Amino acid sequence: MVSLSTEALLSKVKQLCLLRGVRFTSQRLVVLRLIIEHGNAISAYDLLDKLKESEPNAKPPTIYRALDFLLEQGFIHKIESTNTYIFCHHFDYPNHTSALFICDKCQQVTEHHVEGIATLLKSIADESAFSLTHSVVESHGLCAKCHEEG
C-alpha cells in the first residue's frame, strides 16, 4: 500500500466532502491534520492540547464537534477500549469493516480492511434480525517489535 502525504490525504477528504455536500471547515481540517500527523491513536484532550498551540482559546466542545463530524463521515475511527481516535486509511470505502490491532506495550494501532469479518458479522446480524450500520473490531496484544523484545 502506497502511503500518501498528509496534504494528499486532506485533499482527498476535501473532495469527498464536496461530493457529499458537507462542510469541511477549517477547524475540522486542523483537527484531522493533527490526527494524521500524530500517526497513532490520540485522545481528545491530547488533541485539544495540540490545537491550543495554534488556537489558545480552543475548548473541549471544539474538539468534540470536529471529532463527531470526522467520525460521521468515516475519516477517523474511535477506539472504544482506549477512548482514542485514529485516522481511517480506508475512508474512501464507505461502510467498510476495519480490524484494529492495538499493541498493549507501545500503544501502536494498525488498521486492516477485512472483508471476511464483515461477511461473518453481517451473517450473525442477519440471524438476529439486527441491522448493522458500522463495525470496527478491536484486538489487543503485542506488535511484532514488542513481541520480539519480550
C-alpha atoms as a PDB file:
ATOM      1  CA  MET A   1       0.000   0.000   0.000  1.00  0.00           C
ATOM      2  CA  VAL A   2       1.404   3.386  -1.020  1.00  0.00           C
ATOM      3  CA  SER A   3       1.382   5.891   1.796  1.00  0.00           C
ATOM      4  CA  LEU A   4       0.033   9.314   0.840  1.00  0.00           C
ATOM      5  CA  SER A   5       1.278  12.569   2.301  1.00  0.00           C
ATOM      6  CA  THR A   6      -0.829  14.476   4.789  1.00  0.00           C
ATOM      7  CA  GLU A   7      -1.649  17.065   2.113  1.00  0.00           C
ATOM      8  CA  ALA A   8      -2.710  14.384  -0.381  1.00  0.00           C
ATOM      9  CA  LEU A   9      -4.953  12.750   2.245  1.00  0.00           C
ATOM     10  CA  LEU A  10      -6.519  16.083   3.189  1.00  0.00           C
ATOM     11  CA  SER A  11      -7.094  16.850  -0.492  1.00  0.00           C
ATOM     12  CA  LYS A  12      -8.952  13.529  -0.916  1.00  0.00           C
ATOM     13  CA  VAL A  13     -11.014  14.284   2.202  1.00  0.00           C
ATOM     14  CA  LYS A  14     -11.917  17.757   0.861  1.00  0.00           C
ATOM     15  CA  GLN A  15     -13.017  16.237  -2.452  1.00  0.00           C
ATOM     16  CA  LEU A  16     -15.197  13.672  -0.691  1.00  0.00           C
ATOM     17  CA  CYS A  17     -16.790  16.387   1.438  1.00  0.00           C
ATOM     18  CA  LEU A  18     -17.619  18.371  -1.712  1.00  0.00           C
ATOM     19  CA  LEU A  19     -19.161  15.278  -3.320  1.00  0.00           C
ATOM     20  CA  ARG A  20     -21.165  14.570  -0.160  1.00  0.00           C
ATOM     21  CA  GLY A  21     -22.280  18.179   0.217  1.00  0.00           C
ATOM     22  CA  VAL A  22     -20.878  18.541   3.736  1.00  0.00           C
ATOM     23  CA  ARG A  23     -18.786  21.406   5.086  1.00  0.00           C
ATOM     24  CA  PHE A  24     -15.156  20.675   5.818  1.00  0.00           C
ATOM     25  CA  THR A  25     -14.455  23.707   7.994  1.00  0.00           C
ATOM     26  CA  SER A  26     -11.002  24.999   8.836  1.00  0.00           C
ATOM     27  CA  GLN A  27     -11.299  23.655  12.398  1.00  0.00           C
ATOM     28  CA  ARG A  28     -12.262  20.200  11.138  1.00  0.00           C
ATOM     29  CA  LEU A  29      -9.290  20.341   8.792  1.00  0.00           C
ATOM     30  CA  VAL A  30      -6.912  21.318  11.608  1.00  0.00           C
ATOM     31  CA  VAL A  31      -8.181  18.514  13.873  1.00  0.00           C
ATOM     32  CA  LEU A  32      -7.907  15.932  11.095  1.00  0.00           C
ATOM     33  CA  ARG A  33      -4.409  17.189  10.229  1.00  0.00           C
ATOM     34  CA  LEU A  34      -3.395  16.777  13.896  1.00  0.00           C
ATOM     35  CA  ILE A  35      -4.709  13.210  13.932  1.00  0.00           C
ATOM     36  CA  ILE A  36      -2.953  12.298  10.682  1.00  0.00           C
ATOM     37  CA  GLU A  37       0.333  13.896  11.706  1.00  0.00           C
ATOM     38  CA  HIS A  38       0.233  12.251  15.126  1.00  0.00           C
ATOM     39  CA  GLY A  39       0.420   8.941  13.310  1.00  0.00           C
ATOM     40  CA  ASN A  40      -1.182   6.872  16.036  1.00  0.00           C
ATOM     41  CA  ALA A  41      -4.198   6.878  18.324  1.00  0.00           C
ATOM     42  CA  ILE A  42      -4.683  10.127  20.241  1.00  0.00           C
ATOM     43  CA  SER A  43      -7.142  11.215  22.940  1.00  0.00           C
ATOM     44  CA  ALA A  44      -9.473  14.172  22.604  1.00  0.00           C
ATOM     45  CA  TYR A  45      -7.665  16.041  25.370  1.00  0.00           C
ATOM     46  CA  ASP A  46      -4.258  15.481  23.751  1.00  0.00           C
ATOM     47  CA  LEU A  47      -5.780  16.832  20.542  1.00  0.00           C
ATOM     48  CA  LEU A  48      -7.066  19.833  22.472  1.00  0.00           C
ATOM     49  CA  ASP A  49      -3.587  20.490  23.885  1.00  0.00           C
ATOM     50  CA  LYS A  50      -2.123  20.380  20.353  1.00  0.00           C
ATOM     51  CA  LEU A  51      -4.914  22.596  18.996  1.00  0.00           C
ATOM     52  CA  LYS A  52      -4.290  25.171  21.732  1.00  0.00           C
ATOM     53  CA  GLU A  53      -0.796  25.711  20.315  1.00  0.00           C
ATOM     54  CA  SER A  54      -2.398  27.451  17.301  1.00  0.00           C
ATOM     55  CA  GLU A  55      -5.798  28.334  18.820  1.00  0.00           C
ATOM     56  CA  PRO A  56      -5.238  29.240  22.504  1.00  0.00           C
ATOM     57  CA  ASN A  57      -8.974  29.749  23.150  1.00  0.00           C
ATOM     58  CA  ALA A  58      -9.991  26.273  21.937  1.00  0.00           C
ATOM     59  CA  LYS A  59     -12.281  24.407  24.328  1.00  0.00           C
ATOM     60  CA  PRO A  60     -13.331  20.724  24.578  1.00  0.00           C
ATOM     61  CA  PRO A  61     -16.573  21.269  22.594  1.00  0.00           C
ATOM     62  CA  THR A  62     -14.447  22.470  19.663  1.00  0.00           C
ATOM     63  CA  ILE A  63     -12.624  19.142  19.542  1.00  0.00           C
ATOM     64  CA  TYR A  64     -15.710  17.006  20.174  1.00  0.00           C
ATOM     65  CA  ARG A  65     -17.737  18.721  17.424  1.00  0.00           C
ATOM     66  CA  ALA A  66     -14.891  18.154  14.959  1.00  0.00           C
ATOM     67  CA  LEU A  67     -14.454  14.533  16.099  1.00  0.00           C
ATOM     68  CA  ASP A  68     -18.200  13.869  15.740  1.00  0.00           C
ATOM     69  CA  PHE A  69     -18.121  15.167  12.160  1.00  0.00           C
ATOM     70  CA  LEU A  70     -14.983  13.197  11.274  1.00  0.00           C
ATOM     71  CA  LEU A  71     -16.475  10.012  12.760  1.00  0.00           C
ATOM     72  CA  GLU A  72     -19.802  10.545  10.989  1.00  0.00           C
ATOM     73  CA  GLN A  73     -18.012  10.961   7.656  1.00  0.00           C
ATOM     74  CA  GLY A  74     -15.809   7.897   8.245  1.00  0.00           C
ATOM     75  CA  PHE A  75     -12.500   9.790   8.203  1.00  0.00           C
ATOM     76  CA  ILE A  76     -11.468   8.532  11.645  1.00  0.00           C
ATOM     77  CA  HIS A  77     -12.193   5.628  13.983  1.00  0.00           C
ATOM     78  CA  LYS A  78     -12.834   5.850  17.692  1.00  0.00           C
ATOM     79  CA  ILE A  79     -11.003   3.144  19.586  1.00  0.00           C
ATOM     80  CA  GLU A  80     -13.552   2.445  22.289  1.00  0.00           C
ATOM     81  CA  SER A  81     -11.261   0.384  24.518  1.00  0.00           C
ATOM     82  CA  THR A  82      -8.749   3.239  24.872  1.00  0.00           C
ATOM     83  CA  ASN A  83     -11.080   6.213  24.249  1.00  0.00           C
ATOM     84  CA  THR A  84      -8.774   7.473  21.497  1.00  0.00           C
ATOM     85  CA  TYR A  85      -9.081   8.347  17.821  1.00  0.00           C
ATOM     86  CA  ILE A  86      -7.119   7.292  14.748  1.00  0.00           C
ATOM     87  CA  PHE A  87      -7.169   8.266  11.095  1.00  0.00           C
ATOM     88  CA  CYS A  88      -9.006   5.784   8.866  1.00  0.00           C
ATOM     89  CA  HIS A  89      -6.857   4.869   5.872  1.00  0.00           C
ATOM     90  CA  HIS A  90      -9.878   3.333   4.123  1.00  0.00           C
ATOM     91  CA  PHE A  91     -12.155   6.369   4.357  1.00  0.00           C
ATOM     92  CA  ASP A  92     -12.993   6.254   0.663  1.00  0.00           C
ATOM     93  CA  TYR A  93     -14.677   2.854   1.130  1.00  0.00           C
ATOM     94  CA  PRO A  94     -17.941   3.640   2.902  1.00  0.00           C
ATOM     95  CA  ASN A  95     -19.364   1.048   5.267  1.00  0.00           C
ATOM     96  CA  HIS A  96     -16.163  -0.974   5.463  1.00  0.00           C
ATOM     97  CA  THR A  97     -15.277  -3.084   8.456  1.00  0.00           C
ATOM     98  CA  SER A  98     -11.890  -2.434   9.994  1.00  0.00           C
ATOM     99  CA  ALA A  99      -9.850  -4.579  12.313  1.00  0.00           C
ATOM    100  CA  LEU A 100      -7.714  -2.524  14.668  1.00  0.00           C
ATOM    101  CA  PHE A 101      -4.712  -4.241  16.211  1.00  0.00           C
ATOM    102  CA  ILE A 102      -3.660  -2.400  19.379  1.00  0.00           C
ATOM    103  CA  CYS A 103      -0.272  -3.107  20.967  1.00  0.00           C
ATOM    104  CA  ASP A 104      -0.674  -3.098  24.741  1.00  0.00           C
ATOM    105  CA  LYS A 105       3.003  -2.249  25.227  1.00  0.00           C
ATOM    106  CA  CYS A 106       3.824   0.576  22.768  1.00  0.00           C
ATOM    107  CA  GLN A 107       0.183   1.575  22.021  1.00  0.00           C
ATOM    108  CA  GLN A 108       0.749   1.395  18.238  1.00  0.00           C
ATOM    109  CA  VAL A 109      -2.518   0.853  16.363  1.00  0.00           C
ATOM    110  CA  THR A 110      -2.641  -0.796  12.953  1.00  0.00           C
ATOM    111  CA  GLU A 111      -5.798  -0.785  10.839  1.00  0.00           C
ATOM    112  CA  HIS A 112      -6.655  -3.507   8.348  1.00  0.00           C
ATOM    113  CA  HIS A 113      -9.602  -3.588   5.973  1.00  0.00           C
ATOM    114  CA  VAL A 114     -11.043  -7.095   6.214  1.00  0.00           C
ATOM    115  CA  GLU A 115     -13.905  -8.437   4.144  1.00  0.00           C
ATOM    116  CA  GLY A 116     -14.145 -11.845   5.815  1.00  0.00           C
ATOM    117  CA  ILE A 117     -15.018 -10.334   9.167  1.00  0.00           C
ATOM    118  CA  ALA A 118     -17.630  -8.072   7.572  1.00  0.00           C
ATOM    119  CA  THR A 119     -19.304 -11.074   5.959  1.00  0.00           C
ATOM    120  CA  LEU A 120     -19.309 -13.020   9.213  1.00  0.00           C
ATOM    121  CA  LEU A 121     -20.681 -10.082  11.227  1.00  0.00           C
ATOM    122  CA  LYS A 122     -23.429  -9.472   8.638  1.00  0.00           C
ATOM    123  CA  SER A 123     -24.394 -13.129   8.734  1.00  0.00           C
ATOM    124  CA  ILE A 124     -24.651 -13.119  12.537  1.00  0.00           C
ATOM    125  CA  ALA A 125     -26.559  -9.825  12.468  1.00  0.00           C
ATOM    126  CA  ASP A 126     -28.996 -11.169   9.853  1.00  0.00           C
ATOM    127  CA  GLU A 127     -29.668 -14.259  12.010  1.00  0.00           C
ATOM    128  CA  SER A 128     -30.518 -11.924  14.882  1.00  0.00           C
ATOM    129  CA  ALA A 129     -32.605  -9.563  12.732  1.00  0.00           C
ATOM    130  CA  PHE A 130     -30.082  -6.865  13.598  1.00  0.00           C
ATOM    131  CA  SER A 131     -29.263  -4.111  11.126  1.00  0.00           C
ATOM    132  CA  LEU A 132     -25.566  -3.224  11.167  1.00  0.00           C
ATOM    133  CA  THR A 133     -24.637   0.382  10.490  1.00  0.00           C
ATOM    134  CA  HIS A 134     -20.945   0.349  11.407  1.00  0.00           C
ATOM    135  CA  SER A 135     -18.384  -2.218  12.545  1.00  0.00           C
ATOM    136  CA  VAL A 136     -14.899  -1.888  13.979  1.00  0.00           C
ATOM    137  CA  VAL A 137     -13.188  -4.892  15.533  1.00  0.00           C
ATOM    138  CA  GLU A 138     -10.564  -4.125  18.193  1.00  0.00           C
ATOM    139  CA  SER A 139      -7.915  -6.670  19.106  1.00  0.00           C
ATOM    140  CA  HIS A 140      -5.277  -6.212  21.816  1.00  0.00           C
ATOM    141  CA  GLY A 141      -1.888  -7.898  22.004  1.00  0.00           C
ATOM    142  CA  LEU A 142       1.740  -7.192  21.105  1.00  0.00           C
ATOM    143  CA  CYS A 143       3.064  -5.841  17.815  1.00  0.00           C
ATOM    144  CA  ALA A 144       5.940  -7.703  16.156  1.00  0.00           C
ATOM    145  CA  LYS A 145       8.563  -5.327  17.561  1.00  0.00           C
ATOM    146  CA  CYS A 146       7.303  -5.556  21.160  1.00  0.00           C
ATOM    147  CA  HIS A 147       6.845  -9.308  20.846  1.00  0.00           C
ATOM    148  CA  GLU A 148      10.488  -9.685  19.775  1.00  0.00           C
ATOM    149  CA  GLU A 149      11.643  -7.513  22.675  1.00  0.00           C
ATOM    150  CA  GLY A 150       9.872  -9.897  25.015  1.00  0.00           C
END
